[in-house]
Amino acid sequence: MRNGRAPLLRRRERRQADGRPGPGPGALLRNGRILAASAVVAAGLGALFWLLAARWFSTEAVGRSYALLSVAMLLATLGSLNLGDVLIRFLPTAGPQGRRFVIRCYIVAAASSAAVAAGFVLLASHITPGLTELRSPLPALLFVLATAAYAIFVLQDGALTGLRSPGWVLVENLIFALAKVVGLAVCVALAVGAGILVAWSAGLVLAVTVANTVVFARALPAARHTTHPHGVPRRHMAAYAAADYAGQLGQVAVSKSLPLLVLARLGAEQTAYYSLAYLVTDTLYQAAYSMGQSLTVEGAAEPDRLAEHARHMLRHTAILIAPATAVAVAAAPWILQLFGTDYAEGGTTVLRLMALSALPNVLFGIAVHVARVRRALLLLAGLQLAFAGLLLMLVLALMPRYGLTGVGAAWLATSCTIALVLAATYHRWLPADPPRRT
């Protein structure tokens, strides 16, 4: 058989012999659904952990622990330099270089996160005087180590996704979530004062251990058989990582700053309503984003089928998000009623507006993942920064006059505007697949 499809068929035969799913709509959608389920499960069980913590520990203990862990996770996310997405993009074609590639990313992310955390510890008394725990050497050291470990936790999802093992991403998140809950109950039974922090740390260590045992003992050895003419293109990787990191940093900065803007303008009560609306909406956003990660993996493995994979993913992600959005919009008052009547009265409108934004945002997510596969760096950074910048401008313009309704309208208008532009320029950012030779 001497035609252009022979190498592709041989790769598929090798995957079948190894027991690994090959690329194509089946694997693309199956892996995407698993990743989306993992994101939803992590969000739901994470909320359960804090709900139980609020019941079993004092309000002060919950507040201080939440603040400390939030800082550690934020610093780890920033310090990981978005290398998790780099692994998703380049690990599918790394072949025998995969093990070294993963280890290097882990070392860079852990060292960078530890350095950022150490800098925060030195400045903590000026930035957050309430975190008195960081003034003692041992807690400060543990904080730095926990931040570095969480950076590994962030990257291991990327490694498992890039190695086409999304089932283990779901398992790892389940282990982390359930271990935290069990650890919390044990700490309550043993009357451990810092039980929230101990339970969270124990769950993190267990999840990191299990996930990386799978990565290095199973997934990476299986991936050694994959071949690619270019392997990991090191000369392009730094530029790719920088562009993607800049875009992600812009989005993180805006999303994390909005509660502070709402607090300063509308007060603590309105901020609480906004926070719950964001929690629900972010779950929809994360589910769609996780579906797109499968597109990055399969598109990197078979770039000549990128447009085909993108169309499949766009259609099926919309099918997944549309009914979830409808439920969130219709059930908004009842969802918020779980937290109290005040939340239902004050947060229903903003939740509905923000939840509606998740549907047009599906197209934005697909475009970002397509840009990652194509290594279209200007498009990759530009899309993310444009979303963040437009959202911030609209919030500043609408919130003073319309309050929380204005904030929700800003989310919806931003998502719709970006989606309309992407729809109008569809054939520019997603060129058609090249014709296949027969």
Protein backbone atom coordinates (compact mmCIF):
# COMPACT_ATOMS: atom_id res chain seq x y z
CA MET A 1 0.00 0.00 0.00
CA ARG A 2 1.90 3.04 -1.21
CA ASN A 3 -0.16 6.14 -0.53
CA GLY A 4 -0.39 9.03 1.92
CA ARG A 5 -2.64 7.15 4.35
CA ALA A 6 -0.29 4.24 4.98
CA PRO A 7 1.63 5.89 7.88
CA LEU A 8 -1.65 6.85 9.51
CA LEU A 9 -3.00 3.32 9.26
CA ARG A 10 0.21 1.89 10.68
CA ARG A 11 -0.02 4.27 13.66
CA ARG A 12 -3.60 3.21 14.28
CA GLU A 13 -2.61 -0.48 14.14
CA ARG A 14 0.16 0.11 16.70
CA ARG A 15 -2.26 1.89 19.03
CA GLN A 16 -4.75 -0.97 18.79
CA ALA A 17 -2.00 -3.47 19.51
CA ASP A 18 -0.97 -1.42 22.58
CA GLY A 19 -4.56 -1.18 23.77
CA ARG A 20 -4.60 2.62 23.53
CA PRO A 21 -7.36 4.64 21.88
CA GLY A 22 -6.37 6.24 18.61
CA PRO A 23 -7.37 9.67 17.39
CA GLY A 24 -10.63 10.39 15.68
CA PRO A 25 -14.12 11.52 16.66
CA GLY A 26 -14.62 8.55 19.01
CA ALA A 27 -11.51 9.11 21.12
CA LEU A 28 -11.81 12.88 20.76
CA LEU A 29 -15.29 13.05 22.24
CA ARG A 30 -14.87 10.23 24.74
CA ASN A 31 -11.76 11.80 26.25
CA GLY A 32 -13.37 15.24 26.19
CA ARG A 33 -16.42 14.02 28.10
CA ILE A 34 -14.22 12.35 30.71
CA LEU A 35 -12.24 15.56 31.20
CA ALA A 36 -15.45 17.60 31.47
CA ALA A 37 -16.83 15.14 34.03
CA SER A 38 -13.60 15.45 35.97
CA ALA A 39 -13.93 19.24 36.11
CA VAL A 40 -17.54 19.03 37.32
CA VAL A 41 -16.76 16.37 39.92
CA ALA A 42 -13.79 18.36 41.24
CA ALA A 43 -15.95 21.47 41.59
CA GLY A 44 -18.79 19.62 43.31
CA LEU A 45 -16.67 17.67 45.77
CA GLY A 46 -14.52 20.74 46.43
CA ALA A 47 -17.67 22.60 47.50
CA LEU A 48 -18.58 19.63 49.73
CA PHE A 49 -15.20 19.85 51.48
CA TRP A 50 -15.75 23.50 52.42
CA LEU A 51 -19.37 22.87 53.38
CA LEU A 52 -18.25 20.22 55.87
CA ALA A 53 -15.40 22.41 57.06
CA ALA A 54 -17.90 25.18 57.80
CA ARG A 55 -19.98 22.77 59.88
CA TRP A 56 -17.10 21.19 61.80
CA PHE A 57 -14.74 24.12 62.37
CA SER A 58 -15.11 27.67 63.59
CA THR A 59 -15.81 30.47 61.16
CA GLU A 60 -12.42 31.97 61.93
CA ALA A 61 -10.62 28.69 61.21
CA VAL A 62 -12.47 28.28 57.91
CA GLY A 63 -11.77 31.85 56.86
CA ARG A 64 -8.06 31.74 57.65
CA SER A 65 -7.59 28.30 56.07
CA TYR A 66 -9.50 29.28 52.95
CA ALA A 67 -7.44 32.43 52.56
CA LEU A 68 -4.15 30.56 53.02
CA LEU A 69 -5.03 27.76 50.60
CA SER A 70 -6.42 30.21 48.04
CA VAL A 71 -3.13 32.09 48.07
CA ALA A 72 -1.14 28.86 47.72
CA MET A 73 -3.24 27.70 44.76
CA LEU A 74 -3.07 31.10 43.06
CA LEU A 75 0.72 31.28 43.48
CA ALA A 76 1.10 27.72 42.19
CA THR A 77 -1.04 28.52 39.16
CA LEU A 78 1.04 31.58 38.40
CA GLY A 79 4.32 29.80 39.15
CA SER A 80 3.48 26.80 36.97
CA LEU A 81 3.94 29.11 33.94
CA ASN A 82 1.02 27.40 32.20
CA LEU A 83 3.24 24.38 31.54
CA GLY A 84 0.23 22.10 32.01
CA ASP A 85 -1.16 23.35 28.69
CA VAL A 86 2.31 23.04 27.17
CA LEU A 87 2.31 19.36 28.14
CA ILE A 88 -1.13 18.89 26.59
CA ARG A 89 0.03 20.46 23.34
CA PHE A 90 3.45 18.82 22.90
CA LEU A 91 3.42 15.57 24.89
CA PRO A 92 1.26 13.69 22.33
CA THR A 93 4.13 13.94 19.82
CA ALA A 94 7.08 13.72 22.24
CA GLY A 95 7.56 9.94 21.85
CA PRO A 96 10.72 8.71 23.65
CA GLN A 97 11.46 12.28 24.79
CA GLY A 98 8.29 12.31 26.88
CA ARG A 99 9.78 11.29 30.23
CA ARG A 100 12.50 13.93 30.11
CA PHE A 101 9.99 16.51 28.92
CA VAL A 102 7.60 15.87 31.83
CA ILE A 103 10.40 15.89 34.42
CA ARG A 104 11.79 19.18 33.13
CA CYS A 105 8.35 20.80 33.22
CA TYR A 106 7.81 19.53 36.77
CA ILE A 107 11.16 20.90 37.94
CA VAL A 108 10.64 24.31 36.35
CA ALA A 109 7.07 24.65 37.66
CA ALA A 110 7.93 23.48 41.19
CA ALA A 111 11.00 25.70 41.46
CA SER A 112 9.19 28.73 40.05
CA SER A 113 6.18 28.23 42.34
CA ALA A 114 8.42 27.76 45.38
CA ALA A 115 10.28 30.97 44.53
CA VAL A 116 7.02 32.90 44.14
CA ALA A 117 5.73 31.46 47.43
CA ALA A 118 8.97 32.35 49.23
CA GLY A 119 8.69 35.91 47.96
CA PHE A 120 5.12 36.06 49.19
CA VAL A 121 6.15 34.80 52.63
CA LEU A 122 8.75 37.56 52.90
CA LEU A 123 6.15 40.19 52.01
CA ALA A 124 3.16 38.57 53.74
CA SER A 125 3.23 40.88 56.76
CA HIS A 126 2.79 43.85 54.43
CA ILE A 127 0.40 42.26 51.90
CA THR A 128 -1.85 40.21 54.20
CA PRO A 129 -1.19 41.01 57.87
CA GLY A 130 -3.95 38.60 58.90
CA LEU A 131 -1.96 35.51 57.82
CA THR A 132 0.07 35.38 61.02
CA GLU A 133 0.89 31.68 60.43
CA LEU A 134 3.46 32.65 57.83
CA ARG A 135 5.53 34.55 60.38
CA SER A 136 6.83 31.31 61.93
CA PRO A 137 9.61 29.42 60.11
CA LEU A 138 8.02 25.95 60.03
CA PRO A 139 4.56 26.99 58.77
CA ALA A 140 6.24 29.27 56.24
CA LEU A 141 8.37 26.38 54.95
CA LEU A 142 5.34 24.10 54.73
CA PHE A 143 3.49 26.81 52.80
CA VAL A 144 6.30 27.01 50.25
CA LEU A 145 6.42 23.21 49.89
CA ALA A 146 2.63 22.97 49.57
CA THR A 147 2.67 25.59 46.82
CA ALA A 148 5.36 23.68 44.90
CA ALA A 149 3.43 20.42 45.35
CA TYR A 150 0.23 22.01 44.05
CA ALA A 151 2.15 23.16 40.96
CA ILE A 152 2.94 19.48 40.29
CA PHE A 153 -0.74 18.72 40.87
CA VAL A 154 -1.65 21.29 38.20
CA LEU A 155 0.84 19.86 35.70
CA GLN A 156 0.01 16.19 36.20
CA ASP A 157 -3.46 16.73 34.75
CA GLY A 158 -1.79 18.11 31.64
CA ALA A 159 0.57 15.15 31.48
CA LEU A 160 -2.23 12.59 31.81
CA THR A 161 -4.35 14.43 29.26
CA GLY A 162 -1.47 14.69 26.79
CA LEU A 163 -0.80 10.97 27.22
CA ARG A 164 -4.45 10.17 26.40
CA SER A 165 -5.21 8.93 29.90
CA PRO A 166 -8.15 11.19 30.84
CA GLY A 167 -9.72 8.49 32.97
CA TRP A 168 -6.85 8.88 35.41
CA VAL A 169 -7.49 12.64 35.57
CA LEU A 170 -10.97 11.83 36.83
CA VAL A 171 -9.62 9.19 39.25
CA GLU A 172 -6.94 11.54 40.56
CA ASN A 173 -9.46 14.34 41.21
CA LEU A 174 -11.76 11.88 42.96
CA ILE A 175 -8.89 10.70 45.15
CA PHE A 176 -7.95 14.27 46.06
CA ALA A 177 -11.53 15.28 46.84
CA LEU A 178 -12.48 12.17 48.81
CA ALA A 179 -9.17 12.03 50.70
CA LYS A 180 -9.70 15.63 51.81
CA VAL A 181 -13.17 14.82 53.15
CA VAL A 182 -11.99 11.67 54.96
CA GLY A 183 -8.98 13.51 56.33
CA LEU A 184 -11.24 16.28 57.57
CA ALA A 185 -13.39 13.78 59.48
CA VAL A 186 -10.28 12.16 61.00
CA CYS A 187 -8.93 15.54 62.06
CA VAL A 188 -12.23 16.40 63.72
CA ALA A 189 -12.23 13.07 65.57
CA LEU A 190 -8.64 13.65 66.75
CA ALA A 191 -9.30 17.33 67.52
CA VAL A 192 -6.50 18.53 65.26
CA GLY A 193 -6.42 22.32 65.45
CA ALA A 194 -5.23 22.92 61.88
CA GLY A 195 -7.43 20.11 60.57
CA ILE A 196 -8.49 21.85 57.38
CA LEU A 197 -4.92 22.46 56.28
CA VAL A 198 -3.78 18.98 57.32
CA ALA A 199 -6.65 17.26 55.46
CA TRP A 200 -6.08 19.30 52.31
CA SER A 201 -2.33 18.62 52.35
CA ALA A 202 -2.79 14.88 52.95
CA GLY A 203 -5.22 14.64 50.04
CA LEU A 204 -2.79 16.55 47.82
CA VAL A 205 0.14 14.25 48.65
CA LEU A 206 -1.95 11.13 47.97
CA ALA A 207 -3.27 12.46 44.65
CA VAL A 208 0.18 13.52 43.46
CA THR A 209 1.65 10.14 44.41
CA VAL A 210 -1.03 8.09 42.65
CA ALA A 211 -1.15 10.26 39.52
CA ASN A 212 2.58 10.30 38.95
CA THR A 213 2.89 6.59 39.58
CA VAL A 214 0.51 6.20 36.65
CA VAL A 215 2.35 8.82 34.56
CA PHE A 216 5.82 7.33 34.91
CA ALA A 217 5.07 3.64 35.35
CA ARG A 218 2.28 3.20 32.82
CA ALA A 219 1.36 6.13 30.56
CA LEU A 220 4.83 7.28 29.54
CA PRO A 221 6.20 3.80 28.73
CA ALA A 222 3.14 3.18 26.52
CA ALA A 223 3.65 6.51 24.74
CA ARG A 224 7.28 5.72 23.83
CA HIS A 225 5.99 3.84 20.78
CA THR A 226 4.44 6.96 19.25
CA THR A 227 6.50 8.59 16.56
CA HIS A 228 6.61 12.04 15.06
CA PRO A 229 9.12 13.52 12.64
CA HIS A 230 9.77 16.58 14.76
CA GLY A 231 9.35 15.39 18.35
CA VAL A 232 9.20 18.27 20.83
CA PRO A 233 10.10 21.50 18.96
CA ARG A 234 12.17 23.15 21.68
CA ARG A 235 12.96 26.30 19.74
CA HIS A 236 9.25 27.09 19.43
CA MET A 237 8.19 25.97 22.88
CA ALA A 238 9.41 29.01 24.84
CA ALA A 239 7.53 31.41 22.55
CA TYR A 240 4.43 29.22 22.70
CA ALA A 241 4.53 29.01 26.51
CA ALA A 242 5.09 32.76 26.85
CA ALA A 243 2.17 33.65 24.57
CA ASP A 244 -0.23 31.23 26.24
CA TYR A 245 0.91 32.26 29.71
CA ALA A 246 0.39 35.95 28.92
CA GLY A 247 -3.16 35.26 27.80
CA GLN A 248 -3.95 33.04 30.76
CA LEU A 249 -2.42 35.55 33.16
CA GLY A 250 -4.67 38.28 31.81
CA GLN A 251 -7.77 36.15 32.28
CA VAL A 252 -6.77 35.07 35.80
CA ALA A 253 -5.96 38.64 36.81
CA VAL A 254 -9.35 39.94 35.67
CA SER A 255 -11.42 37.06 37.07
CA LYS A 256 -9.67 37.28 40.45
CA SER A 257 -9.93 41.08 40.59
CA LEU A 258 -13.66 41.31 39.83
CA PRO A 259 -14.75 40.29 43.36
CA LEU A 260 -12.51 43.05 44.72
CA LEU A 261 -14.08 45.57 42.34
CA VAL A 262 -17.57 44.44 43.34
CA LEU A 263 -16.60 44.65 47.02
CA ALA A 264 -15.25 48.18 46.65
CA ARG A 265 -18.27 49.44 44.69
CA LEU A 266 -21.24 47.43 45.94
CA GLY A 267 -20.20 46.04 49.33
CA ALA A 268 -19.69 42.66 50.96
CA GLU A 269 -23.29 41.44 50.62
CA GLN A 270 -23.37 41.93 46.84
CA THR A 271 -19.93 40.35 46.60
CA ALA A 272 -21.30 37.20 48.26
CA TYR A 273 -24.10 37.03 45.68
CA TYR A 274 -21.61 37.51 42.84
CA SER A 275 -19.25 34.84 44.22
CA LEU A 276 -21.93 32.15 44.13
CA ALA A 277 -22.98 33.15 40.61
CA TYR A 278 -19.35 32.92 39.54
CA LEU A 279 -18.96 29.50 41.18
CA VAL A 280 -21.83 28.03 39.15
CA THR A 281 -20.81 29.74 35.91
CA ASP A 282 -17.16 28.80 36.26
CA THR A 283 -18.18 25.14 36.48
CA LEU A 284 -19.82 25.47 33.04
CA TYR A 285 -16.77 27.27 31.68
CA GLN A 286 -14.40 24.64 33.05
CA ALA A 287 -16.46 21.79 31.62
CA ALA A 288 -16.30 23.33 28.13
CA TYR A 289 -12.59 24.14 28.50
CA SER A 290 -11.86 20.55 29.56
CA MET A 291 -13.67 19.22 26.50
CA GLY A 292 -11.40 21.42 24.37
CA GLN A 293 -8.27 19.94 25.90
CA SER A 294 -9.04 16.71 24.07
CA LEU A 295 -9.11 18.73 20.84
CA THR A 296 -5.59 20.00 21.57
CA VAL A 297 -4.31 16.46 22.11
CA GLU A 298 -5.88 14.93 19.01
CA GLY A 299 -5.16 17.99 16.88
CA ALA A 300 -1.48 17.86 17.83
CA ALA A 301 -1.34 14.16 16.95
CA GLU A 302 -3.13 14.63 13.62
CA PRO A 303 -2.88 18.28 12.52
CA ASP A 304 -4.19 17.39 9.06
CA ARG A 305 -7.57 16.61 10.68
CA LEU A 306 -7.74 19.67 12.92
CA ALA A 307 -10.74 21.29 11.21
CA GLU A 308 -12.65 18.01 11.28
CA HIS A 309 -11.91 17.50 14.98
CA ALA A 310 -12.78 21.13 15.78
CA ARG A 311 -16.19 20.86 14.13
CA HIS A 312 -16.96 17.65 16.03
CA MET A 313 -15.85 19.20 19.31
CA LEU A 314 -17.74 22.45 18.77
CA ARG A 315 -20.98 20.63 18.06
CA HIS A 316 -20.75 18.18 20.95
CA THR A 317 -19.53 20.74 23.50
CA ALA A 318 -22.49 22.95 22.62
CA ILE A 319 -24.80 19.94 23.04
CA LEU A 320 -23.28 19.37 26.50
CA ILE A 321 -23.32 22.98 27.69
CA ALA A 322 -26.70 24.08 26.28
CA PRO A 323 -28.91 21.93 28.57
CA ALA A 324 -26.66 22.63 31.56
CA THR A 325 -27.01 26.35 30.88
CA ALA A 326 -30.78 26.00 30.56
CA VAL A 327 -30.96 24.23 33.92
CA ALA A 328 -28.79 26.89 35.59
CA VAL A 329 -30.97 29.70 34.17
CA ALA A 330 -34.30 28.05 35.01
CA ALA A 331 -33.28 26.79 38.44
CA ALA A 332 -31.22 29.81 39.51
CA PRO A 333 -33.48 30.91 42.39
CA TRP A 334 -33.75 27.37 43.75
CA ILE A 335 -29.99 26.83 43.48
CA LEU A 336 -29.33 30.01 45.44
CA GLN A 337 -32.13 29.25 47.90
CA LEU A 338 -29.89 26.47 49.25
CA PHE A 339 -27.66 29.20 50.66
CA GLY A 340 -30.50 31.36 51.97
CA THR A 341 -33.43 33.51 50.88
CA ASP A 342 -31.24 36.60 50.59
CA TYR A 343 -29.01 34.85 48.05
CA ALA A 344 -32.01 33.87 45.93
CA GLU A 345 -33.41 37.40 45.96
CA GLY A 346 -30.12 39.18 45.35
CA GLY A 347 -28.25 36.77 43.06
CA THR A 348 -30.78 35.21 40.68
CA THR A 349 -30.47 37.79 37.90
CA VAL A 350 -26.67 37.90 37.86
CA LEU A 351 -26.49 34.10 37.93
CA ARG A 352 -28.85 33.83 34.95
CA LEU A 353 -26.91 36.37 32.90
CA MET A 354 -23.53 34.81 33.71
CA ALA A 355 -24.79 31.27 33.06
CA LEU A 356 -26.10 32.36 29.64
CA SER A 357 -22.60 33.56 28.77
CA ALA A 358 -21.29 29.98 28.98
CA LEU A 359 -22.98 28.95 25.73
CA PRO A 360 -21.38 31.49 23.32
CA ASN A 361 -18.15 31.01 25.24
CA VAL A 362 -17.94 27.49 23.77
CA LEU A 363 -16.81 28.97 20.45
CA PHE A 364 -14.16 31.05 22.23
CA GLY A 365 -12.78 27.92 23.90
CA ILE A 366 -12.61 26.00 20.63
CA ALA A 367 -10.76 28.89 18.96
CA VAL A 368 -8.20 29.01 21.79
CA HIS A 369 -7.49 25.28 21.51
CA VAL A 370 -7.24 25.50 17.71
CA ALA A 371 -4.69 28.32 18.12
CA ARG A 372 -2.70 26.08 20.47
CA VAL A 373 -2.56 23.27 17.94
CA ARG A 374 -1.60 25.62 15.11
CA ARG A 375 0.88 27.49 17.35
CA ALA A 376 -0.80 30.72 16.22
CA LEU A 377 0.78 32.75 19.03
CA LEU A 378 -0.73 36.16 18.28
CA LEU A 379 -4.20 34.65 18.03
CA LEU A 380 -3.64 32.57 21.17
CA ALA A 381 -2.60 35.49 23.37
CA GLY A 382 -4.83 38.00 21.62
CA LEU A 383 -8.05 36.05 22.11
CA GLN A 384 -7.51 35.58 25.83
CA LEU A 385 -6.37 39.16 26.44
CA ALA A 386 -9.24 40.53 24.34
CA PHE A 387 -11.77 38.60 26.42
CA ALA A 388 -10.20 39.78 29.68
CA GLY A 389 -9.87 43.40 28.56
CA LEU A 390 -13.40 43.67 27.17
CA LEU A 391 -14.89 42.07 30.27
CA LEU A 392 -13.05 44.46 32.57
CA MET A 393 -14.06 47.53 30.57
CA LEU A 394 -17.72 46.53 30.46
CA VAL A 395 -17.83 45.77 34.19
CA LEU A 396 -16.33 49.18 34.98
CA ALA A 397 -18.82 50.83 32.64
CA LEU A 398 -22.00 48.98 33.67
CA MET A 399 -21.55 48.21 37.38
CA PRO A 400 -21.80 51.80 38.69
CA ARG A 401 -25.24 52.23 37.09
CA TYR A 402 -26.76 48.74 37.08
CA GLY A 403 -25.02 47.04 40.01
CA LEU A 404 -24.73 43.26 39.89
CA THR A 405 -27.04 43.13 36.89
CA GLY A 406 -24.44 45.19 35.05
CA VAL A 407 -21.71 42.73 36.02
CA GLY A 408 -23.76 39.82 34.69
CA ALA A 409 -24.56 41.75 31.51
CA ALA A 410 -20.82 42.43 31.06
CA TRP A 411 -20.07 38.70 31.14
CA LEU A 412 -22.83 37.93 28.63
CA ALA A 413 -21.95 40.82 26.30
CA THR A 414 -18.25 39.91 26.32
CA SER A 415 -18.90 36.27 25.51
CA CYS A 416 -21.40 37.11 22.74
CA THR A 417 -19.16 39.77 21.18
CA ILE A 418 -16.13 37.46 21.01
CA ALA A 419 -18.28 34.63 19.65
CA LEU A 420 -19.76 36.84 16.91
CA VAL A 421 -16.30 37.98 15.79
CA LEU A 422 -15.04 34.39 15.74
CA ALA A 423 -18.09 33.20 13.79
CA ALA A 424 -17.58 35.95 11.21
CA THR A 425 -13.90 35.04 10.77
CA TYR A 426 -14.34 31.27 11.07
CA HIS A 427 -12.40 30.34 7.93
CA ARG A 428 -9.45 32.55 8.89
CA TRP A 429 -8.64 30.99 12.28
CA LEU A 430 -9.70 27.45 11.25
CA PRO A 431 -8.46 26.73 7.72
CA ALA A 432 -9.95 23.69 6.02
CA ASP A 433 -8.11 20.39 6.34
CA PRO A 434 -5.80 19.62 3.41
CA PRO A 435 -7.19 17.08 0.90
CA ARG A 436 -6.15 13.52 1.64
CA ARG A 437 -4.35 11.52 -0.97
CA THR A 438 -5.85 8.19 -1.96
